[in-house]
N, C-alpha and C. Protein backbone atom coordinates (compact mmCIF):
# COMPACT_ATOMS: atom_id res chain seq x y z
N MET A 1 0.84 -1.18 0.00
CA MET A 1 0.00 0.00 0.00
C MET A 1 0.89 1.24 0.00
N TYR A 2 0.62 2.15 -0.89
CA TYR A 2 1.41 3.37 -0.99
C TYR A 2 0.63 4.52 -0.38
N VAL A 3 1.17 5.08 0.68
CA VAL A 3 0.50 6.14 1.41
C VAL A 3 0.86 7.50 0.83
N TRP A 4 2.12 7.68 0.44
CA TRP A 4 2.60 8.97 -0.05
C TRP A 4 2.58 8.98 -1.57
N SER A 5 2.09 10.07 -2.13
CA SER A 5 2.22 10.24 -3.57
C SER A 5 3.39 11.20 -3.82
N LYS A 6 3.97 11.10 -5.00
CA LYS A 6 5.11 11.95 -5.31
C LYS A 6 4.71 13.42 -5.32
N ARG A 7 3.50 13.71 -5.76
CA ARG A 7 3.04 15.10 -5.81
C ARG A 7 2.96 15.69 -4.40
N VAL A 8 2.46 14.93 -3.45
CA VAL A 8 2.36 15.40 -2.07
C VAL A 8 3.75 15.64 -1.49
N VAL A 9 4.67 14.72 -1.72
CA VAL A 9 6.01 14.85 -1.15
C VAL A 9 6.75 16.03 -1.77
N VAL A 10 6.65 16.21 -3.08
CA VAL A 10 7.31 17.35 -3.73
C VAL A 10 6.74 18.66 -3.20
N THR A 11 5.42 18.71 -3.03
CA THR A 11 4.79 19.91 -2.49
C THR A 11 5.26 20.18 -1.06
N LEU A 12 5.30 19.13 -0.23
CA LEU A 12 5.76 19.31 1.15
C LEU A 12 7.22 19.74 1.21
N LEU A 13 8.07 19.18 0.34
CA LEU A 13 9.47 19.60 0.31
C LEU A 13 9.61 21.05 -0.13
N ALA A 14 8.80 21.47 -1.11
CA ALA A 14 8.85 22.86 -1.56
C ALA A 14 8.39 23.81 -0.45
N VAL A 15 7.33 23.45 0.23
CA VAL A 15 6.85 24.28 1.34
C VAL A 15 7.89 24.33 2.45
N PHE A 16 8.52 23.19 2.74
CA PHE A 16 9.58 23.16 3.74
C PHE A 16 10.72 24.09 3.34
N GLY A 17 11.13 24.06 2.08
CA GLY A 17 12.20 24.92 1.61
C GLY A 17 11.86 26.40 1.72
N VAL A 18 10.63 26.75 1.36
CA VAL A 18 10.21 28.15 1.44
C VAL A 18 10.17 28.61 2.90
N LEU A 19 9.59 27.78 3.77
CA LEU A 19 9.53 28.14 5.19
C LEU A 19 10.92 28.24 5.81
N GLU A 20 11.82 27.36 5.40
CA GLU A 20 13.20 27.42 5.90
C GLU A 20 13.87 28.71 5.46
N ALA A 21 13.65 29.10 4.21
CA ALA A 21 14.22 30.36 3.70
C ALA A 21 13.65 31.55 4.47
N VAL A 22 12.36 31.55 4.72
CA VAL A 22 11.74 32.63 5.49
C VAL A 22 12.32 32.68 6.89
N LEU A 23 12.50 31.52 7.51
CA LEU A 23 13.08 31.47 8.85
C LEU A 23 14.48 32.08 8.87
N TRP A 24 15.31 31.72 7.90
CA TRP A 24 16.68 32.24 7.87
C TRP A 24 16.71 33.74 7.63
N VAL A 25 15.79 34.23 6.80
CA VAL A 25 15.77 35.67 6.51
C VAL A 25 15.31 36.45 7.74
N THR A 26 14.28 35.94 8.43
CA THR A 26 13.75 36.68 9.57
C THR A 26 14.54 36.47 10.86
N ALA A 27 15.38 35.45 10.92
CA ALA A 27 16.11 35.15 12.15
C ALA A 27 17.38 35.98 12.30
N THR A 28 17.68 36.83 11.35
CA THR A 28 18.92 37.60 11.43
C THR A 28 18.72 38.94 12.14
N GLY A 29 17.59 39.09 12.80
CA GLY A 29 17.34 40.34 13.53
C GLY A 29 18.23 40.48 14.75
N GLU A 30 18.28 41.69 15.29
CA GLU A 30 19.15 41.97 16.43
C GLU A 30 18.41 41.92 17.76
N SER A 31 17.10 41.70 17.75
CA SER A 31 16.35 41.68 18.99
C SER A 31 16.55 40.34 19.71
N SER A 32 16.35 40.36 21.03
CA SER A 32 16.52 39.13 21.80
C SER A 32 15.25 38.29 21.72
N SER A 33 15.38 37.03 22.02
CA SER A 33 14.26 36.10 21.96
C SER A 33 13.32 36.33 23.14
N VAL A 34 12.03 36.08 22.91
CA VAL A 34 11.04 36.22 23.97
C VAL A 34 10.74 34.87 24.63
N LEU A 35 11.35 33.79 24.14
CA LEU A 35 11.14 32.48 24.74
C LEU A 35 11.96 32.35 26.02
N ALA A 36 11.37 31.75 27.02
CA ALA A 36 12.11 31.49 28.25
C ALA A 36 13.11 30.37 28.00
N VAL A 37 14.17 30.35 28.77
CA VAL A 37 15.20 29.32 28.62
C VAL A 37 14.59 27.94 28.87
N ARG A 38 13.72 27.86 29.87
CA ARG A 38 13.07 26.58 30.19
C ARG A 38 12.25 26.08 29.00
N THR A 39 11.53 26.97 28.34
CA THR A 39 10.73 26.60 27.17
C THR A 39 11.63 26.10 26.05
N THR A 40 12.72 26.78 25.82
CA THR A 40 13.65 26.38 24.77
C THR A 40 14.23 25.00 25.06
N HIS A 41 14.60 24.75 26.31
CA HIS A 41 15.14 23.44 26.67
C HIS A 41 14.09 22.34 26.50
N TRP A 42 12.85 22.64 26.88
CA TRP A 42 11.76 21.67 26.75
C TRP A 42 11.52 21.33 25.28
N LEU A 43 11.52 22.35 24.42
CA LEU A 43 11.34 22.12 22.99
C LEU A 43 12.49 21.31 22.41
N ALA A 44 13.71 21.61 22.81
CA ALA A 44 14.87 20.88 22.30
C ALA A 44 14.84 19.42 22.76
N LEU A 45 14.44 19.18 24.00
CA LEU A 45 14.34 17.82 24.51
C LEU A 45 13.28 17.02 23.75
N ASN A 46 12.12 17.61 23.55
CA ASN A 46 11.06 16.94 22.80
C ASN A 46 11.48 16.67 21.36
N TYR A 47 12.16 17.62 20.73
CA TYR A 47 12.62 17.45 19.36
C TYR A 47 13.64 16.31 19.28
N GLY A 48 14.54 16.25 20.24
CA GLY A 48 15.53 15.17 20.26
C GLY A 48 14.90 13.80 20.41
N PHE A 49 13.92 13.69 21.31
CA PHE A 49 13.22 12.41 21.48
C PHE A 49 12.43 12.04 20.23
N MET A 50 11.82 13.04 19.58
CA MET A 50 11.07 12.76 18.36
C MET A 50 12.02 12.25 17.26
N LEU A 51 13.19 12.86 17.13
CA LEU A 51 14.16 12.41 16.14
C LEU A 51 14.62 10.99 16.42
N THR A 52 14.81 10.67 17.68
CA THR A 52 15.20 9.31 18.05
C THR A 52 14.11 8.32 17.67
N TRP A 53 12.87 8.66 17.99
CA TRP A 53 11.74 7.79 17.69
C TRP A 53 11.60 7.58 16.17
N VAL A 54 11.74 8.65 15.39
CA VAL A 54 11.62 8.54 13.94
C VAL A 54 12.75 7.69 13.37
N PHE A 55 13.99 7.85 13.88
CA PHE A 55 15.09 7.05 13.36
C PHE A 55 14.92 5.58 13.72
N VAL A 56 14.39 5.29 14.90
CA VAL A 56 14.11 3.89 15.25
C VAL A 56 13.07 3.32 14.29
N TRP A 57 12.06 4.11 13.95
CA TRP A 57 11.06 3.67 12.97
C TRP A 57 11.71 3.42 11.61
N MET A 58 12.59 4.34 11.19
CA MET A 58 13.29 4.16 9.91
C MET A 58 14.14 2.89 9.95
N PHE A 59 14.82 2.64 11.07
CA PHE A 59 15.64 1.44 11.21
C PHE A 59 14.78 0.19 11.06
N ASP A 60 13.62 0.18 11.71
CA ASP A 60 12.72 -0.96 11.64
C ASP A 60 12.21 -1.17 10.22
N GLN A 61 11.81 -0.09 9.55
CA GLN A 61 11.31 -0.21 8.18
C GLN A 61 12.39 -0.71 7.22
N ALA A 62 13.60 -0.21 7.39
CA ALA A 62 14.70 -0.66 6.52
C ALA A 62 15.04 -2.12 6.78
N ARG A 63 15.01 -2.52 8.05
CA ARG A 63 15.32 -3.92 8.40
C ARG A 63 14.28 -4.86 7.81
N VAL A 64 13.02 -4.47 7.85
CA VAL A 64 11.95 -5.31 7.30
C VAL A 64 12.14 -5.49 5.79
N ARG A 65 12.62 -4.44 5.13
CA ARG A 65 12.77 -4.49 3.67
C ARG A 65 14.16 -4.92 3.24
N GLY A 66 15.03 -5.22 4.18
CA GLY A 66 16.38 -5.69 3.85
C GLY A 66 17.29 -4.60 3.32
N LYS A 67 17.10 -3.37 3.74
CA LYS A 67 17.92 -2.24 3.30
C LYS A 67 18.83 -1.80 4.44
N ASN A 68 19.85 -1.00 4.10
CA ASN A 68 20.79 -0.47 5.08
C ASN A 68 20.34 0.93 5.50
N VAL A 69 20.06 1.12 6.77
CA VAL A 69 19.57 2.41 7.25
C VAL A 69 20.71 3.34 7.64
N TRP A 70 21.90 2.81 7.89
CA TRP A 70 22.99 3.65 8.40
C TRP A 70 23.47 4.68 7.39
N VAL A 71 23.25 4.45 6.10
CA VAL A 71 23.64 5.46 5.12
C VAL A 71 22.72 6.68 5.20
N TRP A 72 21.56 6.52 5.83
CA TRP A 72 20.60 7.62 5.98
C TRP A 72 20.87 8.46 7.22
N LEU A 73 21.74 8.02 8.12
CA LEU A 73 21.97 8.74 9.37
C LEU A 73 22.59 10.12 9.17
N PRO A 74 23.66 10.30 8.40
CA PRO A 74 24.22 11.66 8.26
C PRO A 74 23.24 12.68 7.68
N PRO A 75 22.54 12.37 6.58
CA PRO A 75 21.58 13.38 6.12
C PRO A 75 20.42 13.58 7.09
N PHE A 76 20.05 12.52 7.83
CA PHE A 76 18.97 12.64 8.80
C PHE A 76 19.34 13.59 9.93
N LEU A 77 20.60 13.57 10.35
CA LEU A 77 21.04 14.48 11.41
C LEU A 77 21.07 15.93 10.94
N ILE A 78 21.32 16.14 9.65
CA ILE A 78 21.39 17.50 9.12
C ILE A 78 20.00 18.06 8.82
N ALA A 79 19.16 17.27 8.14
CA ALA A 79 17.82 17.72 7.75
C ALA A 79 16.84 16.56 7.89
N PRO A 80 16.25 16.39 9.07
CA PRO A 80 15.41 15.20 9.32
C PRO A 80 14.18 15.08 8.42
N LEU A 81 13.43 16.15 8.26
CA LEU A 81 12.17 16.05 7.51
C LEU A 81 12.38 15.70 6.04
N PRO A 82 13.24 16.40 5.30
CA PRO A 82 13.45 16.01 3.90
C PRO A 82 14.04 14.61 3.77
N THR A 83 14.92 14.23 4.69
CA THR A 83 15.49 12.88 4.64
C THR A 83 14.42 11.83 4.88
N LEU A 84 13.54 12.08 5.83
CA LEU A 84 12.44 11.14 6.10
C LEU A 84 11.54 10.99 4.88
N MET A 85 11.23 12.10 4.23
CA MET A 85 10.37 12.03 3.04
C MET A 85 11.04 11.26 1.92
N ALA A 86 12.33 11.52 1.69
CA ALA A 86 13.06 10.79 0.65
C ALA A 86 13.15 9.31 1.00
N PHE A 87 13.38 8.99 2.27
CA PHE A 87 13.46 7.61 2.73
C PHE A 87 12.15 6.88 2.45
N VAL A 88 11.03 7.51 2.77
CA VAL A 88 9.72 6.89 2.55
C VAL A 88 9.48 6.68 1.06
N LEU A 89 9.80 7.68 0.25
CA LEU A 89 9.59 7.54 -1.20
C LEU A 89 10.46 6.43 -1.79
N ILE A 90 11.70 6.35 -1.37
CA ILE A 90 12.61 5.34 -1.93
C ILE A 90 12.19 3.94 -1.48
N LEU A 91 11.77 3.80 -0.24
CA LEU A 91 11.33 2.49 0.23
C LEU A 91 10.02 2.05 -0.43
N GLN A 92 9.24 2.99 -0.93
CA GLN A 92 7.96 2.64 -1.53
C GLN A 92 8.06 2.29 -3.01
N ARG A 93 9.25 2.42 -3.58
CA ARG A 93 9.38 2.05 -4.99
C ARG A 93 9.04 0.58 -5.17
N ARG A 94 8.44 0.28 -6.26
CA ARG A 94 8.08 -1.12 -6.54
C ARG A 94 9.34 -1.94 -6.80
N ALA A 95 9.34 -3.15 -6.31
CA ALA A 95 10.46 -4.05 -6.55
C ALA A 95 10.46 -4.46 -8.02
N ARG A 96 11.62 -4.50 -8.60
CA ARG A 96 11.70 -4.85 -10.02
C ARG A 96 11.89 -6.33 -10.18
């Protein structure tokens, strides 16, 4: 069963790229952040646990399909969302 279509993934990657560009352009301001340190730490902790959970899922999916997941680790650490989308699309290709 194929859950993701290529059109949806390309659209999501394009939106991700645009939002990332907007973030980089607006983040160069000189004002200080309004987030509390505790909030920032809580967000970072949750994000780290989410990345761990997603990579464990990727490991399980690759193991089931007989693929090597460790080649996906470096790009996953740099850009998790686009790597996850590419991983899902590549694993969903029909076997020849």
